[in-house]
Amino acid sequence: MKSSKLARLMAGAGVLALALTACGGGGDSGSASAGEGGFDPGDRITMIVPMGPGGGSDISGRAIAAGLEEVTGKTITVENHQGGGGAVGYAGFMGNEGDPSYLLATETALVNLPLTEDVPFTWRSFTPIMKVGQDSAMIVVPSGAEFTTCMDVVDAARAGQVRAAVSGSVTGNDAIQFGLVEKDQDVKFQRVPYESGGEAIAAALGGHVDVALANPSEVMGQLESGDLKALCVIAENRYEFPELADVPTTIEQGIDVTFSQFRGMIAPGGLSDEAKEYWIDASKQYTESDSFAEYMNSNYMQIDPLFGDDFVAFLEQYEADLQAGLES
């Protein structure tokens, strides 16, 4: 992510001010095997997805939950707690302080929201467990659209109005990425808000917007069917997957913008050391499984797992980079 490109963000539009108390969670990694050492988080585990169904966060949460079920033998139920671009889900998760039977499928909003919105949490309010990897979004349009490159979209925005679907909050990942393009190219998009990535893609398919952002996992079916086409990936390097290798980058098309979002899992703050070690070790076992390899490959993600303290260090640096961009 080029933090120098992050100055152009949509400000304000404060999301829900929820009166909850934040407490910090630790990040020490452990070595006890899941299910050993006497610790048991309970037979029924809940995985919270703080975004709506159908988007990349939902896909990630359900894949991680299924993989952890195989490792732990526990039943893991996935619940979507959407609203405020993730703010409702994260804020509500604070109410599970110290409870090892709750997990949350996290992504970049964990860091973006506290820096840009009035929310009662930061990433330090929780216990970072695992980062599975990173992925980059593509700008997609209906197959019948006149645009063939992302620069075509920029030129159209310069000449008039381009309706751009923005999922999540007005300062979330989509807003950040469109904002970076606006700043770099000195243009403005007409932003149309949607709660989830799935809704944004549906809007593009229905002709309600001109362009949308999507991770490959969200739109691969529509790309293969020809209902959508990808104009560029917002990254420095192209995807190496054969199905996406022909999609050029923003850099190739003269747009000096890159951005990657992470995906992973957190637990509530205030966990015992035993609980934290249990979930970190279970996560490590998951990332060594065939289920993990299948999820990462089928969703076209960059494999870069981190656990416990290493995930904490990543979040500290990501937050610093984003903060620097906001202040530039």
C-alpha atoms as a PDB file:
ATOM      1  CA  MET A   1       0.000   0.000   0.000  1.00  0.00           C
ATOM      2  CA  LYS A   2       1.371   3.418  -0.909  1.00  0.00           C
ATOM      3  CA  SER A   3       0.593   5.447   2.176  1.00  0.00           C
ATOM      4  CA  SER A   4       1.447   8.720   0.416  1.00  0.00           C
ATOM      5  CA  LYS A   5      -1.619   8.134  -1.725  1.00  0.00           C
ATOM      6  CA  LEU A   6      -4.011   7.893   1.210  1.00  0.00           C
ATOM      7  CA  ALA A   7      -4.633  11.579   1.846  1.00  0.00           C
ATOM      8  CA  ARG A   8      -7.785  11.807  -0.252  1.00  0.00           C
ATOM      9  CA  LEU A   9     -10.349  10.119   1.949  1.00  0.00           C
ATOM     10  CA  MET A  10     -14.004  10.911   2.386  1.00  0.00           C
ATOM     11  CA  ALA A  11     -14.336  12.469   5.839  1.00  0.00           C
ATOM     12  CA  GLY A  12     -17.041  12.316   8.442  1.00  0.00           C
ATOM     13  CA  ALA A  13     -20.363  10.507   8.133  1.00  0.00           C
ATOM     14  CA  GLY A  14     -19.810   9.161  11.648  1.00  0.00           C
ATOM     15  CA  VAL A  15     -21.149   5.676  12.142  1.00  0.00           C
ATOM     16  CA  LEU A  16     -22.874   4.445  15.245  1.00  0.00           C
ATOM     17  CA  ALA A  17     -21.457   5.768  18.516  1.00  0.00           C
ATOM     18  CA  LEU A  18     -21.889   2.652  20.615  1.00  0.00           C
ATOM     19  CA  ALA A  19     -21.349   2.935  24.349  1.00  0.00           C
ATOM     20  CA  LEU A  20     -19.079  -0.010  24.951  1.00  0.00           C
ATOM     21  CA  THR A  21     -15.784  -0.265  26.806  1.00  0.00           C
ATOM     22  CA  ALA A  22     -12.588  -1.211  24.966  1.00  0.00           C
ATOM     23  CA  CYS A  23      -9.941  -3.386  26.551  1.00  0.00           C
ATOM     24  CA  GLY A  24      -6.608  -4.386  24.985  1.00  0.00           C
ATOM     25  CA  GLY A  25      -5.761  -7.938  23.971  1.00  0.00           C
ATOM     26  CA  GLY A  26      -2.330  -9.501  23.860  1.00  0.00           C
ATOM     27  CA  GLY A  27      -0.555 -11.164  20.980  1.00  0.00           C
ATOM     28  CA  ASP A  28       1.838 -13.738  22.431  1.00  0.00           C
ATOM     29  CA  SER A  29       2.012 -16.905  20.397  1.00  0.00           C
ATOM     30  CA  GLY A  30       1.849 -20.320  22.026  1.00  0.00           C
ATOM     31  CA  SER A  31       2.992 -23.833  21.300  1.00  0.00           C
ATOM     32  CA  ALA A  32       0.293 -25.996  22.916  1.00  0.00           C
ATOM     33  CA  SER A  33      -1.585 -28.126  20.395  1.00  0.00           C
ATOM     34  CA  ALA A  34      -5.264 -27.405  19.909  1.00  0.00           C
ATOM     35  CA  GLY A  35      -7.213 -29.597  22.294  1.00  0.00           C
ATOM     36  CA  GLU A  36      -4.184 -30.381  24.469  1.00  0.00           C
ATOM     37  CA  GLY A  37      -3.048 -28.892  27.756  1.00  0.00           C
ATOM     38  CA  GLY A  38      -6.477 -29.116  29.340  1.00  0.00           C
ATOM     39  CA  PHE A  39      -7.938 -25.980  27.758  1.00  0.00           C
ATOM     40  CA  ASP A  40     -11.301 -26.209  26.007  1.00  0.00           C
ATOM     41  CA  PRO A  41     -13.108 -23.170  24.524  1.00  0.00           C
ATOM     42  CA  GLY A  42     -16.431 -25.033  24.503  1.00  0.00           C
ATOM     43  CA  ASP A  43     -18.142 -27.252  21.974  1.00  0.00           C
ATOM     44  CA  ARG A  44     -19.973 -24.490  20.094  1.00  0.00           C
ATOM     45  CA  ILE A  45     -17.953 -21.630  18.653  1.00  0.00           C
ATOM     46  CA  THR A  46     -19.340 -18.536  16.914  1.00  0.00           C
ATOM     47  CA  MET A  47     -17.492 -16.847  14.069  1.00  0.00           C
ATOM     48  CA  ILE A  48     -18.685 -13.280  13.532  1.00  0.00           C
ATOM     49  CA  VAL A  49     -18.441 -11.755  10.058  1.00  0.00           C
ATOM     50  CA  PRO A  50     -18.788  -7.951  10.413  1.00  0.00           C
ATOM     51  CA  MET A  51     -19.897  -7.542   6.801  1.00  0.00           C
ATOM     52  CA  GLY A  52     -22.887  -8.667   4.756  1.00  0.00           C
ATOM     53  CA  PRO A  53     -23.264 -12.043   3.022  1.00  0.00           C
ATOM     54  CA  GLY A  54     -21.642 -12.696  -0.330  1.00  0.00           C
ATOM     55  CA  GLY A  55     -18.567 -10.477  -0.118  1.00  0.00           C
ATOM     56  CA  GLY A  56     -14.916 -11.318   0.419  1.00  0.00           C
ATOM     57  CA  SER A  57     -15.163 -11.002   4.202  1.00  0.00           C
ATOM     58  CA  ASP A  58     -18.059 -13.462   4.289  1.00  0.00           C
ATOM     59  CA  ILE A  59     -16.191 -15.917   2.063  1.00  0.00           C
ATOM     60  CA  SER A  60     -13.109 -15.601   4.275  1.00  0.00           C
ATOM     61  CA  GLY A  61     -14.993 -16.073   7.533  1.00  0.00           C
ATOM     62  CA  ARG A  62     -16.805 -19.163   6.325  1.00  0.00           C
ATOM     63  CA  ALA A  63     -13.630 -20.713   4.925  1.00  0.00           C
ATOM     64  CA  ILE A  64     -11.676 -20.117   8.134  1.00  0.00           C
ATOM     65  CA  ALA A  65     -14.561 -21.437  10.241  1.00  0.00           C
ATOM     66  CA  ALA A  66     -14.788 -24.628   8.165  1.00  0.00           C
ATOM     67  CA  GLY A  67     -11.025 -25.124   8.352  1.00  0.00           C
ATOM     68  CA  LEU A  68     -10.924 -24.638  12.114  1.00  0.00           C
ATOM     69  CA  GLU A  69     -13.789 -27.105  12.513  1.00  0.00           C
ATOM     70  CA  GLU A  70     -11.601 -29.743  10.882  1.00  0.00           C
ATOM     71  CA  VAL A  71      -8.660 -28.910  13.148  1.00  0.00           C
ATOM     72  CA  THR A  72     -10.498 -28.612  16.464  1.00  0.00           C
ATOM     73  CA  GLY A  73     -13.504 -30.874  16.033  1.00  0.00           C
ATOM     74  CA  LYS A  74     -15.705 -28.031  17.260  1.00  0.00           C
ATOM     75  CA  THR A  75     -18.937 -26.795  15.700  1.00  0.00           C
ATOM     76  CA  ILE A  76     -18.349 -23.246  14.443  1.00  0.00           C
ATOM     77  CA  THR A  77     -21.424 -21.234  13.499  1.00  0.00           C
ATOM     78  CA  VAL A  78     -20.984 -18.202  11.235  1.00  0.00           C
ATOM     79  CA  GLU A  79     -23.081 -15.094  11.886  1.00  0.00           C
ATOM     80  CA  ASN A  80     -23.157 -11.908   9.783  1.00  0.00           C
ATOM     81  CA  HIS A  81     -23.373  -8.796  11.972  1.00  0.00           C
ATOM     82  CA  GLN A  82     -23.318  -6.109   9.289  1.00  0.00           C
ATOM     83  CA  GLY A  83     -23.724  -2.346   9.506  1.00  0.00           C
ATOM     84  CA  GLY A  84     -21.593   0.775   9.378  1.00  0.00           C
ATOM     85  CA  GLY A  85     -19.015  -0.806   7.089  1.00  0.00           C
ATOM     86  CA  GLY A  86     -18.062  -3.283   9.836  1.00  0.00           C
ATOM     87  CA  ALA A  87     -18.438  -0.908  12.792  1.00  0.00           C
ATOM     88  CA  VAL A  88     -21.524  -2.661  14.178  1.00  0.00           C
ATOM     89  CA  GLY A  89     -19.884  -6.088  14.100  1.00  0.00           C
ATOM     90  CA  TYR A  90     -16.612  -4.970  15.642  1.00  0.00           C
ATOM     91  CA  ALA A  91     -18.279  -2.869  18.342  1.00  0.00           C
ATOM     92  CA  GLY A  92     -20.664  -5.661  19.237  1.00  0.00           C
ATOM     93  CA  PHE A  93     -17.746  -8.097  19.421  1.00  0.00           C
ATOM     94  CA  MET A  94     -16.380  -6.070  22.328  1.00  0.00           C
ATOM     95  CA  GLY A  95     -19.213  -7.462  24.438  1.00  0.00           C
ATOM     96  CA  ASN A  96     -17.549 -10.906  24.297  1.00  0.00           C
ATOM     97  CA  GLU A  97     -14.593  -9.783  26.432  1.00  0.00           C
ATOM     98  CA  GLY A  98     -12.591 -12.781  27.630  1.00  0.00           C
ATOM     99  CA  ASP A  99     -14.876 -15.350  25.943  1.00  0.00           C
ATOM    100  CA  PRO A 100     -12.834 -17.907  23.933  1.00  0.00           C
ATOM    101  CA  SER A 101     -15.939 -19.271  22.191  1.00  0.00           C
ATOM    102  CA  TYR A 102     -16.187 -16.187  19.935  1.00  0.00           C
ATOM    103  CA  LEU A 103     -14.021 -15.361  16.926  1.00  0.00           C
ATOM    104  CA  LEU A 104     -14.269 -12.671  14.243  1.00  0.00           C
ATOM    105  CA  ALA A 105     -13.217 -12.760  10.596  1.00  0.00           C
ATOM    106  CA  THR A 106     -11.232  -9.554  10.309  1.00  0.00           C
ATOM    107  CA  GLU A 107      -9.929  -7.440   7.463  1.00  0.00           C
ATOM    108  CA  THR A 108      -8.619  -3.956   6.756  1.00  0.00           C
ATOM    109  CA  ALA A 109     -11.634  -2.181   8.293  1.00  0.00           C
ATOM    110  CA  LEU A 110     -10.248  -3.215  11.689  1.00  0.00           C
ATOM    111  CA  VAL A 111      -7.582  -0.540  11.185  1.00  0.00           C
ATOM    112  CA  ASN A 112      -9.358   1.855   8.817  1.00  0.00           C
ATOM    113  CA  LEU A 113     -12.447   2.463  10.922  1.00  0.00           C
ATOM    114  CA  PRO A 114     -10.804   3.693  14.145  1.00  0.00           C
ATOM    115  CA  LEU A 115      -8.680   6.148  12.163  1.00  0.00           C
ATOM    116  CA  THR A 116     -11.536   7.596  10.135  1.00  0.00           C
ATOM    117  CA  GLU A 117     -14.736   7.126  12.135  1.00  0.00           C
ATOM    118  CA  ASP A 118     -16.083   7.714  15.636  1.00  0.00           C
ATOM    119  CA  VAL A 119     -16.031   4.112  16.842  1.00  0.00           C
ATOM    120  CA  PRO A 120     -15.416   2.766  20.365  1.00  0.00           C
ATOM    121  CA  PHE A 121     -12.618   0.359  19.416  1.00  0.00           C
ATOM    122  CA  THR A 122      -9.203  -0.020  17.841  1.00  0.00           C
ATOM    123  CA  TRP A 123      -7.489  -3.231  16.834  1.00  0.00           C
ATOM    124  CA  ARG A 124      -5.891  -3.176  20.292  1.00  0.00           C
ATOM    125  CA  SER A 125      -9.350  -3.771  21.791  1.00  0.00           C
ATOM    126  CA  PHE A 126      -9.115  -7.368  20.577  1.00  0.00           C
ATOM    127  CA  THR A 127      -6.699 -10.301  20.495  1.00  0.00           C
ATOM    128  CA  PRO A 128      -5.023 -10.712  17.081  1.00  0.00           C
ATOM    129  CA  ILE A 129      -4.810 -14.410  16.294  1.00  0.00           C
ATOM    130  CA  MET A 130      -4.057 -14.979  12.605  1.00  0.00           C
ATOM    131  CA  LYS A 131      -3.504 -13.159   9.342  1.00  0.00           C
ATOM    132  CA  VAL A 132      -4.009 -15.568   6.450  1.00  0.00           C
ATOM    133  CA  GLY A 133      -2.838 -13.334   3.622  1.00  0.00           C
ATOM    134  CA  GLN A 134      -3.644 -10.383   1.420  1.00  0.00           C
ATOM    135  CA  ASP A 135      -5.563  -9.649  -1.738  1.00  0.00           C
ATOM    136  CA  SER A 136      -5.993  -6.770  -4.132  1.00  0.00           C
ATOM    137  CA  ALA A 137      -9.197  -5.442  -5.669  1.00  0.00           C
ATOM    138  CA  MET A 138     -10.019  -5.066  -9.338  1.00  0.00           C
ATOM    139  CA  ILE A 139     -12.130  -2.392 -10.997  1.00  0.00           C
ATOM    140  CA  VAL A 140     -14.921  -4.258 -12.769  1.00  0.00           C
ATOM    141  CA  VAL A 141     -17.695  -3.207 -15.137  1.00  0.00           C
ATOM    142  CA  PRO A 142     -20.564  -4.972 -16.941  1.00  0.00           C
ATOM    143  CA  SER A 143     -19.356  -6.801 -20.029  1.00  0.00           C
ATOM    144  CA  GLY A 144     -21.319  -4.474 -22.288  1.00  0.00           C
ATOM    145  CA  ALA A 145     -19.753  -1.322 -20.893  1.00  0.00           C
ATOM    146  CA  GLU A 146     -17.847   0.923 -23.268  1.00  0.00           C
ATOM    147  CA  PHE A 147     -14.848   1.004 -20.910  1.00  0.00           C
ATOM    148  CA  THR A 148     -11.924  -1.244 -21.805  1.00  0.00           C
ATOM    149  CA  THR A 149      -9.293   0.143 -19.399  1.00  0.00           C
ATOM    150  CA  CYS A 150      -9.270   1.867 -16.040  1.00  0.00           C
ATOM    151  CA  MET A 151      -7.948   4.982 -17.771  1.00  0.00           C
ATOM    152  CA  ASP A 152     -11.146   4.967 -19.832  1.00  0.00           C
ATOM    153  CA  VAL A 153     -13.043   5.201 -16.554  1.00  0.00           C
ATOM    154  CA  VAL A 154     -10.815   8.037 -15.391  1.00  0.00           C
ATOM    155  CA  ASP A 155     -11.337   9.932 -18.656  1.00  0.00           C
ATOM    156  CA  ALA A 156     -15.090   9.503 -18.353  1.00  0.00           C
ATOM    157  CA  ALA A 157     -15.001  10.790 -14.785  1.00  0.00           C
ATOM    158  CA  ARG A 158     -13.017  13.786 -15.963  1.00  0.00           C
ATOM    159  CA  ALA A 159     -15.546  14.512 -18.698  1.00  0.00           C
ATOM    160  CA  GLY A 160     -18.646  14.000 -16.598  1.00  0.00           C
ATOM    161  CA  GLN A 161     -19.945  11.589 -14.014  1.00  0.00           C
ATOM    162  CA  VAL A 162     -19.085   7.965 -13.377  1.00  0.00           C
ATOM    163  CA  ARG A 163     -21.227   6.159 -10.826  1.00  0.00           C
ATOM    164  CA  ALA A 164     -18.943   4.091  -8.600  1.00  0.00           C
ATOM    165  CA  ALA A 165     -20.295   1.503  -6.155  1.00  0.00           C
ATOM    166  CA  VAL A 166     -18.767   1.901  -2.695  1.00  0.00           C
ATOM    167  CA  SER A 167     -19.399  -0.948  -0.281  1.00  0.00           C
ATOM    168  CA  GLY A 168     -18.987  -0.566   3.457  1.00  0.00           C
ATOM    169  CA  SER A 169     -18.510   2.778   5.178  1.00  0.00           C
ATOM    170  CA  VAL A 170     -17.793   6.049   3.380  1.00  0.00           C
ATOM    171  CA  THR A 171     -14.210   5.791   4.601  1.00  0.00           C
ATOM    172  CA  GLY A 172     -13.815   2.058   4.090  1.00  0.00           C
ATOM    173  CA  ASN A 173     -11.642   0.152   1.639  1.00  0.00           C
ATOM    174  CA  ASP A 174     -13.653   0.992  -1.471  1.00  0.00           C
ATOM    175  CA  ALA A 175     -13.802   4.667  -0.577  1.00  0.00           C
ATOM    176  CA  ILE A 176     -10.067   4.705   0.111  1.00  0.00           C
ATOM    177  CA  GLN A 177      -9.203   3.114  -3.208  1.00  0.00           C
ATOM    178  CA  PHE A 178     -11.493   5.294  -5.297  1.00  0.00           C
ATOM    179  CA  GLY A 179     -10.162   8.255  -3.319  1.00  0.00           C
ATOM    180  CA  LEU A 180      -6.598   7.351  -4.213  1.00  0.00           C
ATOM    181  CA  VAL A 181      -7.497   7.242  -7.897  1.00  0.00           C
ATOM    182  CA  GLU A 182      -9.322  10.568  -7.591  1.00  0.00           C
ATOM    183  CA  LYS A 183      -6.305  12.213  -6.005  1.00  0.00           C
ATOM    184  CA  ASP A 184      -3.792  10.711  -8.402  1.00  0.00           C
ATOM    185  CA  GLN A 185      -5.807  11.596 -11.522  1.00  0.00           C
ATOM    186  CA  ASP A 186      -7.545  14.774 -10.267  1.00  0.00           C
ATOM    187  CA  VAL A 187     -11.049  13.470 -10.982  1.00  0.00           C
ATOM    188  CA  LYS A 188     -14.231  12.823  -9.016  1.00  0.00           C
ATOM    189  CA  PHE A 189     -16.500   9.784  -8.994  1.00  0.00           C
ATOM    190  CA  GLN A 190     -20.167   9.867  -8.085  1.00  0.00           C
ATOM    191  CA  ARG A 191     -20.136   7.436  -5.175  1.00  0.00           C
ATOM    192  CA  VAL A 192     -23.137   5.198  -4.585  1.00  0.00           C
ATOM    193  CA  PRO A 193     -23.064   3.477  -1.161  1.00  0.00           C
ATOM    194  CA  TYR A 194     -23.851  -0.189  -0.534  1.00  0.00           C
ATOM    195  CA  GLU A 195     -23.596  -2.212   2.641  1.00  0.00           C
ATOM    196  CA  SER A 196     -21.663  -5.158   1.231  1.00  0.00           C
ATOM    197  CA  GLY A 197     -19.506  -6.195  -1.692  1.00  0.00           C
ATOM    198  CA  GLY A 198     -22.238  -8.550  -2.843  1.00  0.00           C
ATOM    199  CA  GLU A 199     -24.705  -5.666  -3.098  1.00  0.00           C
ATOM    200  CA  ALA A 200     -22.186  -3.539  -4.989  1.00  0.00           C
ATOM    201  CA  ILE A 201     -21.585  -6.303  -7.539  1.00  0.00           C
ATOM    202  CA  ALA A 202     -25.321  -6.803  -7.961  1.00  0.00           C
ATOM    203  CA  ALA A 203     -25.671  -3.074  -8.606  1.00  0.00           C
ATOM    204  CA  ALA A 204     -23.009  -3.236 -11.314  1.00  0.00           C
ATOM    205  CA  LEU A 205     -24.649  -6.237 -12.935  1.00  0.00           C
ATOM    206  CA  GLY A 206     -28.009  -4.472 -12.837  1.00  0.00           C
ATOM    207  CA  GLY A 207     -26.682  -1.302 -14.429  1.00  0.00           C
ATOM    208  CA  HIS A 208     -27.313   0.820 -11.347  1.00  0.00           C
ATOM    209  CA  VAL A 209     -23.649   1.872 -11.260  1.00  0.00           C
ATOM    210  CA  ASP A 210     -20.947   2.119 -13.903  1.00  0.00           C
ATOM    211  CA  VAL A 211     -18.013   0.600 -12.017  1.00  0.00           C
ATOM    212  CA  ALA A 212     -17.374  -1.398  -8.861  1.00  0.00           C
ATOM    213  CA  LEU A 213     -14.435  -2.755  -6.915  1.00  0.00           C
ATOM    214  CA  ALA A 214     -14.186  -6.470  -6.222  1.00  0.00           C
ATOM    215  CA  ASN A 215     -11.747  -9.055  -5.017  1.00  0.00           C
ATOM    216  CA  PRO A 216     -11.397 -12.024  -7.395  1.00  0.00           C
ATOM    217  CA  SER A 217     -13.232 -14.335  -4.997  1.00  0.00           C
ATOM    218  CA  GLU A 218     -16.323 -12.141  -5.228  1.00  0.00           C
ATOM    219  CA  VAL A 219     -16.654 -12.060  -9.015  1.00  0.00           C
ATOM    220  CA  MET A 220     -14.771 -14.980 -10.548  1.00  0.00           C
ATOM    221  CA  GLY A 221     -18.022 -16.627 -11.595  1.00  0.00           C
ATOM    222  CA  GLN A 222     -19.249 -13.481 -13.331  1.00  0.00           C
ATOM    223  CA  LEU A 223     -15.886 -12.955 -15.017  1.00  0.00           C
ATOM    224  CA  GLU A 224     -15.879 -16.514 -16.331  1.00  0.00           C
ATOM    225  CA  SER A 225     -19.487 -16.241 -17.511  1.00  0.00           C
ATOM    226  CA  GLY A 226     -18.769 -12.950 -19.274  1.00  0.00           C
ATOM    227  CA  ASP A 227     -21.262 -10.927 -17.253  1.00  0.00           C
ATOM    228  CA  LEU A 228     -18.451  -8.744 -15.886  1.00  0.00           C
ATOM    229  CA  LYS A 229     -15.014  -7.745 -17.138  1.00  0.00           C
ATOM    230  CA  ALA A 230     -12.012  -6.642 -15.102  1.00  0.00           C
ATOM    231  CA  LEU A 231     -10.311  -3.455 -16.297  1.00  0.00           C
ATOM    232  CA  CYS A 232      -7.355  -3.401 -13.907  1.00  0.00           C
ATOM    233  CA  VAL A 233      -6.116  -4.616 -10.538  1.00  0.00           C
ATOM    234  CA  ILE A 234      -5.150  -1.968  -7.988  1.00  0.00           C
ATOM    235  CA  ALA A 235      -1.685  -3.352  -7.379  1.00  0.00           C
ATOM    236  CA  GLU A 236       1.928  -3.037  -8.404  1.00  0.00           C
ATOM    237  CA  ASN A 237       2.120  -6.528  -9.886  1.00  0.00           C
ATOM    238  CA  ARG A 238      -0.377  -8.615 -11.815  1.00  0.00           C
ATOM    239  CA  TYR A 239      -1.983 -11.682 -10.311  1.00  0.00           C
ATOM    240  CA  GLU A 240       0.004 -14.808 -11.164  1.00  0.00           C
ATOM    241  CA  PHE A 241      -3.082 -17.013 -11.413  1.00  0.00           C
ATOM    242  CA  PRO A 242      -3.661 -17.960 -15.079  1.00  0.00           C
ATOM    243  CA  GLU A 243      -7.288 -16.809 -14.978  1.00  0.00           C
ATOM    244  CA  LEU A 244      -6.211 -13.283 -13.973  1.00  0.00           C
ATOM    245  CA  ALA A 245      -2.773 -12.954 -15.546  1.00  0.00           C
ATOM    246  CA  ASP A 246      -4.136 -10.833 -18.408  1.00  0.00           C
ATOM    247  CA  VAL A 247      -5.633  -8.190 -16.114  1.00  0.00           C
ATOM    248  CA  PRO A 248      -3.251  -5.185 -16.167  1.00  0.00           C
ATOM    249  CA  THR A 249      -2.362  -3.202 -13.067  1.00  0.00           C
ATOM    250  CA  THR A 250      -3.170   0.398 -12.305  1.00  0.00           C
ATOM    251  CA  ILE A 251       0.545   1.140 -12.546  1.00  0.00           C
ATOM    252  CA  GLU A 252       0.691  -0.253 -16.082  1.00  0.00           C
ATOM    253  CA  GLN A 253      -2.187   1.996 -17.088  1.00  0.00           C
ATOM    254  CA  GLY A 254      -0.613   5.162 -15.721  1.00  0.00           C
ATOM    255  CA  ILE A 255      -2.521   5.317 -12.407  1.00  0.00           C
ATOM    256  CA  ASP A 256       0.001   5.550  -9.568  1.00  0.00           C
ATOM    257  CA  VAL A 257      -2.118   3.792  -6.949  1.00  0.00           C
ATOM    258  CA  THR A 258      -1.722   0.445  -5.177  1.00  0.00           C
ATOM    259  CA  PHE A 259      -3.608  -1.011  -2.212  1.00  0.00           C
ATOM    260  CA  SER A 260      -3.803  -4.433  -0.577  1.00  0.00           C
ATOM    261  CA  GLN A 261      -6.131  -5.540   2.168  1.00  0.00           C
ATOM    262  CA  PHE A 262      -5.419  -8.281   4.658  1.00  0.00           C
ATOM    263  CA  ARG A 263      -7.725 -10.995   5.919  1.00  0.00           C
ATOM    264  CA  GLY A 264      -7.491 -12.959   9.114  1.00  0.00           C
ATOM    265  CA  MET A 265      -9.050 -13.691  12.488  1.00  0.00           C
ATOM    266  CA  ILE A 266      -9.208 -12.038  15.894  1.00  0.00           C
ATOM    267  CA  ALA A 267     -10.585 -13.114  19.266  1.00  0.00           C
ATOM    268  CA  PRO A 268     -12.103 -10.928  21.976  1.00  0.00           C
ATOM    269  CA  GLY A 269      -9.856  -8.888  24.214  1.00  0.00           C
ATOM    270  CA  GLY A 270      -8.988 -10.125  27.676  1.00  0.00           C
ATOM    271  CA  LEU A 271      -8.419 -13.765  26.735  1.00  0.00           C
ATOM    272  CA  SER A 272      -6.486 -16.013  29.075  1.00  0.00           C
ATOM    273  CA  ASP A 273      -3.052 -17.108  27.899  1.00  0.00           C
ATOM    274  CA  GLU A 274      -4.385 -20.646  27.487  1.00  0.00           C
ATOM    275  CA  ALA A 275      -7.231 -19.500  25.249  1.00  0.00           C
ATOM    276  CA  LYS A 276      -4.951 -17.363  23.131  1.00  0.00           C
ATOM    277  CA  GLU A 277      -2.457 -20.201  22.716  1.00  0.00           C
ATOM    278  CA  TYR A 278      -5.257 -22.600  21.809  1.00  0.00           C
ATOM    279  CA  TRP A 279      -6.539 -20.463  18.926  1.00  0.00           C
ATOM    280  CA  ILE A 280      -3.084 -19.500  17.671  1.00  0.00           C
ATOM    281  CA  ASP A 281      -2.035 -23.139  17.541  1.00  0.00           C
ATOM    282  CA  ALA A 282      -5.302 -24.176  15.902  1.00  0.00           C
ATOM    283  CA  SER A 283      -4.748 -21.431  13.320  1.00  0.00           C
ATOM    284  CA  LYS A 284      -1.235 -22.666  12.600  1.00  0.00           C
ATOM    285  CA  GLN A 285      -2.590 -26.166  12.045  1.00  0.00           C
ATOM    286  CA  TYR A 286      -5.258 -24.755   9.744  1.00  0.00           C
ATOM    287  CA  THR A 287      -2.688 -22.944   7.568  1.00  0.00           C
ATOM    288  CA  GLU A 288      -0.875 -26.244   7.064  1.00  0.00           C
ATOM    289  CA  SER A 289      -4.031 -28.009   5.878  1.00  0.00           C
ATOM    290  CA  ASP A 290      -5.369 -28.800   2.441  1.00  0.00           C
ATOM    291  CA  SER A 291      -8.442 -26.712   3.304  1.00  0.00           C
ATOM    292  CA  PHE A 292      -6.293 -23.616   3.730  1.00  0.00           C
ATOM    293  CA  ALA A 293      -4.461 -24.182   0.440  1.00  0.00           C
ATOM    294  CA  GLU A 294      -7.785 -24.690  -1.321  1.00  0.00           C
ATOM    295  CA  TYR A 295      -9.268 -21.486   0.152  1.00  0.00           C
ATOM    296  CA  MET A 296      -6.250 -19.351  -0.722  1.00  0.00           C
ATOM    297  CA  ASN A 297      -5.917 -20.719  -4.248  1.00  0.00           C
ATOM    298  CA  SER A 298      -9.616 -20.706  -5.099  1.00  0.00           C
ATOM    299  CA  ASN A 299      -9.918 -17.129  -3.830  1.00  0.00           C
ATOM    300  CA  TYR A 300      -6.768 -15.931  -5.582  1.00  0.00           C
ATOM    301  CA  MET A 301      -5.096 -14.637  -2.437  1.00  0.00           C
ATOM    302  CA  GLN A 302      -1.452 -13.971  -1.639  1.00  0.00           C
ATOM    303  CA  ILE A 303      -0.413 -16.465   1.036  1.00  0.00           C
ATOM    304  CA  ASP A 304       1.276 -14.649   3.918  1.00  0.00           C
ATOM    305  CA  PRO A 305       0.196 -16.133   7.281  1.00  0.00           C
ATOM    306  CA  LEU A 306       1.149 -14.425  10.536  1.00  0.00           C
ATOM    307  CA  PHE A 307       0.217 -15.345  14.094  1.00  0.00           C
ATOM    308  CA  GLY A 308       0.049 -13.723  17.518  1.00  0.00           C
ATOM    309  CA  ASP A 309       2.878 -11.254  18.049  1.00  0.00           C
ATOM    310  CA  ASP A 310       3.821 -11.276  14.372  1.00  0.00           C
ATOM    311  CA  PHE A 311       0.247 -10.318  13.444  1.00  0.00           C
ATOM    312  CA  VAL A 312       0.387  -7.575  16.095  1.00  0.00           C
ATOM    313  CA  ALA A 313       3.579  -6.192  14.545  1.00  0.00           C
ATOM    314  CA  PHE A 314       1.926  -6.212  11.110  1.00  0.00           C
ATOM    315  CA  LEU A 315      -1.088  -4.294  12.445  1.00  0.00           C
ATOM    316  CA  GLU A 316       1.157  -1.731  14.135  1.00  0.00           C
ATOM    317  CA  GLN A 317       2.975  -1.046  10.870  1.00  0.00           C
ATOM    318  CA  TYR A 318      -0.212  -1.036   8.796  1.00  0.00           C
ATOM    319  CA  GLU A 319      -1.770   1.464  11.184  1.00  0.00           C
ATOM    320  CA  ALA A 320       1.326   3.676  11.053  1.00  0.00           C
ATOM    321  CA  ASP A 321       1.346   3.646   7.248  1.00  0.00           C
ATOM    322  CA  LEU A 322      -2.340   4.485   7.051  1.00  0.00           C
ATOM    323  CA  GLN A 323      -2.035   7.236   9.643  1.00  0.00           C
ATOM    324  CA  ALA A 324       0.847   8.766   7.723  1.00  0.00           C
ATOM    325  CA  GLY A 325      -1.275   8.780   4.600  1.00  0.00           C
ATOM    326  CA  LEU A 326      -4.161  10.433   6.363  1.00  0.00           C
ATOM    327  CA  GLU A 327      -1.886  13.199   7.598  1.00  0.00           C
ATOM    328  CA  SER A 328      -0.063  13.763   4.300  1.00  0.00           C
END
